[in-house]
């Protein structure tokens, strides 16, 4: 009887053990299947940006600011230079208008009986032109520019001395004689005006006038406005084409 009881207990224990191992095996299989079906999440790689050294960034910013400051400084200098040029231009133009211009021209209107040998011009006592005829250069020059420039406003004196030699082609008795003519002309240089003075050597009188009294000098004066156009014409010798300001004046001294 005791032996049957022990056999029954051993049989129950074996059944329980078998069930326990089957349950354990089932759970292990299910857990393995779950792990196989659901792979663990893969974390994305973390990229760490390369940090720029603080010292390099700061140096770049400093250079950039220095460059900007230089550009601003250059702009200011250019602006100041333009301003100075404009002021200088206005000042020069104002000074030019505030001065008086003068153009002095020598003209030879003598006849064939007189040959110009020498000419001398002075302005306020200072020699401004001299030429002789040793090389024959005066023979073909009927008009000679003497002066073209700026004069202080006010009174001035123009002095002229012309030396002629008698030509005996028509009157043999005057051949080789010298005739010297001196004359002065007073004029006023006005601000904002160009004065054109022509000193003309000519023969005065008629058939009854003695030959030694024929050589003479007369002065003709024209006044023009001081302008760029008239300055250009004065430089090119065409001021006579400009419109006169106060008319012309003919004087014999």
Foldseek 3Di string as FASTA:
>chain_A
DVVVVVVVVVVVVVVVVVVVVVVVVVVVVVVVVVCVVDDDDDDDDDDDDDDDDPVVVVVVVVVVVVVVVVVVVVVVVVVVVVVVVVVVVVVVVVVQLQWFKEWEKEFEAEDPFKDWAKKWKDKQRHTQDIDGCPVPPRVPDRMDTRDTGTDHFFKMKMKMKIKIQGDCPPPVVRHGPIAIEIDMDMDGGGRQKYKYKYKYWYFDDDPPDDPNPGTFIKIKIFMAGDDPVLSVCSVVVNNVPDDTDPDMDIGGD
